[in-house]
Amino acid sequence: MSIPTPFDPELAAALEAGREQIPASITPDMIPLIRQARENLPHPSDEELSQGGAFALRDHTAPGPEGAPDITLLVARPTAAVAPMPALYFIHGGGMIIGDRRDGLPDLAGILLELGIAMVSVEYRLAPEHPHPAPVEDCYAGLTWTVKNAADLGIDPGRIIVAGASAGGGLAAATALLARDRGGPSLLAQLLICPMLDDRNNTPSAEQMAGLGIWDQTSNETGWQALLGTAAGGPGVSPYASPARATDLSGLPPAFIDVGSAETFRDEDVAYASRIWQAGGQAELHVWPGGFHGFDMFTPEAKLSGDARAARIHWLRRVLEV
């Protein structure tokens, strides 16, 4: 067995303290239990999410993919920013199996306020009840609606960045591929935070970190099988489900990709950035030493978490020229 990459000491202490609440390995039988546990947690009110009026919040209903239900998007606009403002089109994480449109704002609020950026967060259908292509088609439908209605939303349609974390990062990458291949909305950039990109789940980092950290190889198998069923890991998987399967990464918007060195997704994320460069594209890659999956959300006060947020802000400033 490969020797595990060590965790940053500050992060390791926080991970150990919270181990009872967050298991390293998630199996399919645990999905209902995790969902129920989420439902039992206190849900932030609109007042709490708006941070006392710092954001104007509004839910919008948009047409879903053909033959599918409508989708809901949460639009959060900094009240002090001047329209039309840039926007993150945000896709929440949760391993394809949990999460909702309200998950992103607490973690992104500081960045949005500092840079005067709006957030449009899409509520996509979850697996296994809704396997591929339902989640990514919902994300793409929400993006096209956002661009079409940008003026009414107070958003600059020329400065929309598709963004996501974990499963949402994978869906963001897939949405960018769909937009390119369908001649759809022109995206300014893509912000991919520890993205879930490769259903094959067999990289050295996946093997190294099995049973450790957050979202290990077993959890990853659970998520991909929920999305793809028995097709996961086999031939013929669509790049719009698993972006690492794409044979052509040219013509994509500039990407920011970051990941921890001590997590399952390290090697697939590094490979994705490398393949963007090899295809003549732009990518900024950060591998945070000793970071486990989602470390900056789990331990926001840690020094490494502060460095990760600062790097994203610097990149956003360059891309948006603000």
Protein backbone atom coordinates (compact mmCIF):
# COMPACT_ATOMS: atom_id res chain seq x y z
CA MET A 1 0.00 0.00 0.00
CA SER A 2 1.20 3.53 -0.78
CA ILE A 3 2.40 5.68 2.08
CA PRO A 4 -0.28 8.34 2.79
CA THR A 5 0.56 11.99 2.23
CA PRO A 6 0.63 13.66 5.68
CA PHE A 7 -1.98 16.19 6.71
CA ASP A 8 -1.04 19.73 7.67
CA PRO A 9 -0.73 19.58 11.50
CA GLU A 10 -3.31 22.31 12.11
CA LEU A 11 -5.77 20.63 9.76
CA ALA A 12 -5.07 17.19 11.20
CA ALA A 13 -6.03 18.36 14.68
CA ALA A 14 -9.32 19.80 13.42
CA LEU A 15 -10.05 16.66 11.41
CA GLU A 16 -9.48 14.44 14.43
CA ALA A 17 -11.75 16.61 16.58
CA GLY A 18 -14.56 16.35 14.05
CA ARG A 19 -14.14 12.73 13.05
CA GLU A 20 -17.35 11.53 14.71
CA GLN A 21 -19.41 13.92 12.61
CA ILE A 22 -17.75 13.26 9.25
CA PRO A 23 -16.71 9.70 8.35
CA ALA A 24 -13.88 9.19 5.87
CA SER A 25 -15.81 6.52 3.95
CA ILE A 26 -19.41 6.81 2.76
CA THR A 27 -21.21 3.74 1.43
CA PRO A 28 -24.50 3.68 -0.53
CA ASP A 29 -26.54 2.58 2.49
CA MET A 30 -25.43 5.74 4.30
CA ILE A 31 -26.96 8.16 1.77
CA PRO A 32 -30.44 8.29 3.39
CA LEU A 33 -28.87 8.69 6.83
CA ILE A 34 -26.66 11.58 5.70
CA ARG A 35 -29.60 13.30 4.04
CA GLN A 36 -31.70 12.90 7.17
CA ALA A 37 -28.90 14.25 9.33
CA ARG A 38 -28.71 17.32 7.08
CA GLU A 39 -32.45 17.84 7.40
CA ASN A 40 -32.19 17.71 11.19
CA LEU A 41 -29.59 20.48 11.28
CA PRO A 42 -30.74 24.09 11.73
CA HIS A 43 -31.24 25.74 8.34
CA PRO A 44 -30.03 29.35 8.03
CA SER A 45 -32.81 31.85 7.45
CA ASP A 46 -32.75 34.34 4.58
CA GLU A 47 -31.81 37.00 7.15
CA GLU A 48 -28.80 34.96 8.24
CA LEU A 49 -27.78 34.17 4.67
CA SER A 50 -28.07 37.83 3.69
CA GLN A 51 -25.71 38.73 6.55
CA GLY A 52 -28.02 41.41 7.85
CA GLY A 53 -28.79 42.89 4.46
CA ALA A 54 -25.33 42.71 2.88
CA PHE A 55 -26.90 40.55 0.17
CA ALA A 56 -30.21 40.83 -1.64
CA LEU A 57 -31.52 37.28 -2.01
CA ARG A 58 -34.12 36.01 -4.42
CA ASP A 59 -35.12 32.60 -5.76
CA HIS A 60 -35.94 32.35 -9.45
CA THR A 61 -37.60 29.54 -11.38
CA ALA A 62 -36.15 28.66 -14.77
CA PRO A 63 -37.17 26.10 -17.39
CA GLY A 64 -35.39 22.81 -16.91
CA PRO A 65 -34.00 20.62 -19.69
CA GLU A 66 -36.50 19.47 -22.29
CA GLY A 67 -39.01 17.12 -20.68
CA ALA A 68 -37.66 17.76 -17.17
CA PRO A 69 -39.02 19.83 -14.26
CA ASP A 70 -38.25 23.51 -13.80
CA ILE A 71 -35.20 24.35 -11.75
CA THR A 72 -34.68 26.88 -8.97
CA LEU A 73 -31.77 29.28 -8.74
CA LEU A 74 -30.78 31.43 -5.78
CA VAL A 75 -29.46 34.84 -6.81
CA ALA A 76 -27.43 36.67 -4.15
CA ARG A 77 -26.33 40.21 -5.03
CA PRO A 78 -24.18 42.39 -2.78
CA THR A 79 -26.40 45.37 -2.03
CA ALA A 80 -23.46 47.79 -2.10
CA ALA A 81 -22.30 46.72 -5.58
CA VAL A 82 -23.28 48.56 -8.73
CA ALA A 83 -25.13 46.72 -11.51
CA PRO A 84 -24.35 45.22 -13.88
CA MET A 85 -21.93 43.21 -11.77
CA PRO A 86 -19.87 40.09 -12.44
CA ALA A 87 -21.32 36.79 -11.28
CA LEU A 88 -20.23 33.38 -10.13
CA TYR A 89 -22.55 30.77 -11.56
CA PHE A 90 -22.13 28.41 -8.62
CA ILE A 91 -22.74 24.65 -8.50
CA HIS A 92 -22.78 23.15 -5.01
CA GLY A 93 -20.86 20.08 -3.89
CA GLY A 94 -22.04 16.98 -2.09
CA GLY A 95 -20.70 14.03 -4.05
CA MET A 96 -23.65 14.17 -6.50
CA ILE A 97 -25.86 12.80 -3.68
CA ILE A 98 -26.55 15.69 -1.25
CA GLY A 99 -26.61 19.50 -1.15
CA ASP A 100 -28.75 22.38 -2.32
CA ARG A 101 -28.53 25.86 -3.83
CA ARG A 102 -28.08 27.58 -0.45
CA ASP A 103 -24.88 25.72 0.42
CA GLY A 104 -22.41 27.97 -1.36
CA LEU A 105 -23.19 31.41 0.02
CA PRO A 106 -21.80 31.03 3.58
CA ASP A 107 -18.39 29.99 2.25
CA LEU A 108 -18.29 32.50 -0.62
CA ALA A 109 -19.81 35.51 1.10
CA GLY A 110 -16.50 37.18 1.97
CA ILE A 111 -15.18 36.90 -1.58
CA LEU A 112 -18.44 38.10 -3.11
CA LEU A 113 -18.59 41.15 -0.86
CA GLU A 114 -14.92 42.04 -1.28
CA LEU A 115 -15.07 41.95 -5.07
CA GLY A 116 -18.66 43.06 -5.65
CA ILE A 117 -19.67 39.79 -7.32
CA ALA A 118 -23.14 38.29 -7.48
CA MET A 119 -23.77 34.58 -7.06
CA VAL A 120 -26.29 32.52 -9.01
CA SER A 121 -26.55 29.08 -7.39
CA VAL A 122 -28.41 26.31 -9.20
CA GLU A 123 -30.52 23.58 -7.59
CA TYR A 124 -29.78 20.51 -9.69
CA ARG A 125 -31.36 17.09 -9.33
CA LEU A 126 -29.39 14.63 -7.22
CA ALA A 127 -28.28 11.06 -7.85
CA PRO A 128 -29.05 8.21 -7.51
CA GLU A 129 -32.70 9.18 -8.02
CA HIS A 130 -31.63 11.33 -10.97
CA PRO A 131 -28.54 9.85 -12.65
CA HIS A 132 -26.51 11.38 -15.46
CA PRO A 133 -27.31 13.43 -17.49
CA ALA A 134 -29.91 15.03 -15.18
CA PRO A 135 -27.51 16.97 -12.89
CA VAL A 136 -25.33 18.49 -15.61
CA GLU A 137 -28.28 19.24 -17.89
CA ASP A 138 -29.94 21.13 -15.02
CA CYS A 139 -26.73 23.10 -14.51
CA TYR A 140 -26.49 23.94 -18.19
CA ALA A 141 -30.16 24.93 -18.41
CA GLY A 142 -29.71 27.25 -15.43
CA LEU A 143 -26.64 28.83 -17.03
CA THR A 144 -28.41 29.56 -20.30
CA TRP A 145 -31.35 31.08 -18.41
CA THR A 146 -28.97 33.23 -16.35
CA VAL A 147 -27.26 34.63 -19.43
CA LYS A 148 -30.57 35.24 -21.18
CA ASN A 149 -31.93 37.11 -18.14
CA ALA A 150 -28.70 38.82 -17.10
CA ALA A 151 -30.03 42.34 -17.56
CA ASP A 152 -33.01 41.72 -15.28
CA LEU A 153 -30.72 40.11 -12.70
CA GLY A 154 -28.30 43.05 -12.70
CA ILE A 155 -25.49 40.81 -13.99
CA ASP A 156 -22.97 41.48 -16.74
CA PRO A 157 -23.40 38.55 -19.19
CA GLY A 158 -19.83 39.01 -20.39
CA ARG A 159 -18.37 38.43 -16.93
CA ILE A 160 -19.88 35.16 -15.74
CA ILE A 161 -17.55 32.60 -14.16
CA VAL A 162 -18.77 29.03 -13.73
CA ALA A 163 -17.70 27.81 -10.30
CA GLY A 164 -18.10 24.83 -8.04
CA ALA A 165 -16.55 22.77 -5.28
CA SER A 166 -16.05 19.00 -5.20
CA ALA A 167 -18.90 17.41 -7.18
CA GLY A 168 -19.93 20.96 -8.05
CA GLY A 169 -16.44 21.56 -9.42
CA GLY A 170 -16.80 18.53 -11.66
CA LEU A 171 -20.21 19.72 -12.81
CA ALA A 172 -18.77 23.20 -13.42
CA ALA A 173 -16.05 21.70 -15.64
CA ALA A 174 -18.68 19.62 -17.45
CA THR A 175 -20.91 22.67 -17.90
CA ALA A 176 -17.99 24.53 -19.47
CA LEU A 177 -17.48 21.61 -21.86
CA LEU A 178 -21.17 21.64 -22.78
CA ALA A 179 -21.13 25.40 -23.36
CA ARG A 180 -18.14 25.01 -25.69
CA ASP A 181 -19.53 22.04 -27.60
CA ARG A 182 -23.07 23.38 -27.98
CA GLY A 183 -21.99 26.88 -28.93
CA GLY A 184 -23.68 28.06 -25.75
CA PRO A 185 -22.95 30.90 -23.34
CA SER A 186 -19.47 32.39 -23.47
CA LEU A 187 -17.91 32.03 -20.03
CA LEU A 188 -15.22 34.34 -18.73
CA ALA A 189 -13.51 31.63 -16.67
CA GLN A 190 -14.03 28.51 -14.56
CA LEU A 191 -13.27 28.26 -10.84
CA LEU A 192 -12.84 24.59 -9.93
CA ILE A 193 -12.32 23.96 -6.22
CA CYS A 194 -11.13 20.42 -5.43
CA PRO A 195 -13.21 19.19 -8.38
CA MET A 196 -14.53 15.64 -8.76
CA LEU A 197 -13.46 14.88 -12.33
CA ASP A 198 -12.70 11.20 -12.93
CA ASP A 199 -15.10 8.28 -12.42
CA ARG A 200 -12.27 5.75 -12.80
CA ASN A 201 -11.24 6.47 -9.19
CA ASN A 202 -7.89 4.70 -9.55
CA THR A 203 -5.20 7.37 -9.26
CA PRO A 204 -2.25 7.04 -6.87
CA SER A 205 -3.74 9.72 -4.61
CA ALA A 206 -7.04 7.82 -4.43
CA GLU A 207 -5.12 4.70 -3.38
CA GLN A 208 -2.86 6.61 -0.96
CA MET A 209 -5.66 8.30 0.94
CA ALA A 210 -8.11 5.37 1.15
CA GLY A 211 -9.81 5.42 4.54
CA LEU A 212 -8.33 8.81 5.44
CA GLY A 213 -9.45 12.43 5.48
CA ILE A 214 -12.79 13.36 3.96
CA TRP A 215 -14.31 11.74 0.85
CA ASP A 216 -11.96 8.83 0.32
CA GLN A 217 -11.88 6.25 -2.48
CA THR A 218 -14.89 4.35 -1.09
CA SER A 219 -16.94 7.54 -0.84
CA ASN A 220 -15.90 8.45 -4.36
CA GLU A 221 -17.07 5.06 -5.63
CA THR A 222 -20.41 5.67 -3.89
CA GLY A 223 -20.82 9.05 -5.58
CA TRP A 224 -19.86 7.89 -9.07
CA GLN A 225 -22.00 4.77 -8.91
CA ALA A 226 -24.94 6.90 -7.79
CA LEU A 227 -24.45 9.08 -10.87
CA LEU A 228 -23.51 6.41 -13.43
CA GLY A 229 -24.63 3.06 -12.03
CA THR A 230 -22.71 0.07 -13.35
CA ALA A 231 -21.16 2.21 -16.10
CA ALA A 232 -18.88 3.95 -13.55
CA GLY A 233 -15.25 3.22 -14.27
CA GLY A 234 -16.00 1.40 -17.52
CA PRO A 235 -15.64 2.33 -21.16
CA GLY A 236 -17.77 4.91 -22.91
CA VAL A 237 -18.49 7.24 -19.99
CA SER A 238 -19.46 10.70 -21.22
CA PRO A 239 -17.08 13.62 -20.58
CA TYR A 240 -20.16 15.61 -19.55
CA ALA A 241 -20.44 13.21 -16.62
CA SER A 242 -16.72 12.73 -15.99
CA PRO A 243 -14.72 15.64 -17.47
CA ALA A 244 -11.42 13.74 -17.19
CA ARG A 245 -12.78 11.55 -20.01
CA ALA A 246 -12.76 14.48 -22.45
CA THR A 247 -10.29 13.89 -25.28
CA ASP A 248 -10.15 17.59 -26.23
CA LEU A 249 -9.65 20.31 -23.61
CA SER A 250 -8.93 23.09 -26.09
CA GLY A 251 -11.09 26.18 -26.40
CA LEU A 252 -12.13 26.27 -22.74
CA PRO A 253 -12.28 29.40 -20.59
CA PRO A 254 -9.27 30.00 -18.29
CA ALA A 255 -9.38 27.74 -15.26
CA PHE A 256 -8.40 28.04 -11.63
CA ILE A 257 -7.96 24.59 -10.09
CA ASP A 258 -7.02 23.95 -6.49
CA VAL A 259 -6.82 20.79 -4.43
CA GLY A 260 -5.17 19.44 -1.30
CA SER A 261 -2.06 17.28 -1.52
CA ALA A 262 -3.60 14.80 0.95
CA GLU A 263 -6.88 14.01 -0.79
CA THR A 264 -8.42 11.63 -3.29
CA PHE A 265 -8.75 14.18 -6.09
CA ARG A 266 -5.15 15.44 -6.10
CA ASP A 267 -3.83 13.52 -9.10
CA GLU A 268 -6.90 13.80 -11.32
CA ASP A 269 -7.03 17.56 -10.73
CA VAL A 270 -3.32 18.02 -11.46
CA ALA A 271 -3.74 15.94 -14.62
CA TYR A 272 -6.71 18.06 -15.75
CA ALA A 273 -4.72 21.27 -15.38
CA SER A 274 -1.79 19.73 -17.25
CA ARG A 275 -4.04 18.64 -20.11
CA ILE A 276 -5.51 22.14 -20.39
CA TRP A 277 -1.97 23.49 -20.79
CA GLN A 278 -1.13 20.78 -23.31
CA ALA A 279 -4.21 21.78 -25.32
CA GLY A 280 -3.01 25.39 -25.46
CA GLY A 281 -5.31 26.68 -22.72
CA GLN A 282 -4.82 28.64 -19.52
CA ALA A 283 -4.97 27.13 -16.04
CA GLU A 284 -3.73 28.20 -12.65
CA LEU A 285 -3.10 25.22 -10.37
CA HIS A 286 -2.63 25.19 -6.60
CA VAL A 287 -1.89 22.03 -4.62
CA TRP A 288 -2.16 22.94 -0.95
CA PRO A 289 0.38 20.99 1.13
CA GLY A 290 -1.28 18.73 3.67
CA GLY A 291 -4.80 19.78 2.70
CA PHE A 292 -7.60 17.23 2.94
CA HIS A 293 -10.74 17.43 0.82
CA GLY A 294 -12.66 20.64 1.49
CA PHE A 295 -10.22 21.70 4.22
CA ASP A 296 -10.93 25.42 3.80
CA MET A 297 -14.67 24.89 4.36
CA PHE A 298 -14.14 22.48 7.27
CA THR A 299 -11.46 24.57 9.00
CA PRO A 300 -11.87 28.16 7.72
CA GLU A 301 -9.71 29.59 10.51
CA ALA A 302 -6.62 27.54 9.58
CA LYS A 303 -3.63 29.31 8.03
CA LEU A 304 -3.71 27.09 4.94
CA SER A 305 -7.41 27.89 4.47
CA GLY A 306 -6.64 31.60 4.53
CA ASP A 307 -3.94 31.10 1.91
CA ALA A 308 -6.35 29.16 -0.32
CA ARG A 309 -9.03 31.87 -0.12
CA ALA A 310 -6.45 34.59 -0.80
CA ALA A 311 -5.22 32.79 -3.93
CA ARG A 312 -8.77 32.57 -5.29
CA ILE A 313 -9.34 36.26 -4.63
CA HIS A 314 -6.09 37.23 -6.40
CA TRP A 315 -7.05 35.12 -9.41
CA LEU A 316 -10.57 36.55 -9.53
CA ARG A 317 -9.17 40.09 -9.40
CA ARG A 318 -6.94 39.37 -12.38
CA VAL A 319 -9.68 37.67 -14.39
CA LEU A 320 -12.31 40.33 -13.61
CA GLU A 321 -9.83 43.24 -13.69
CA VAL A 322 -11.19 44.66 -10.43
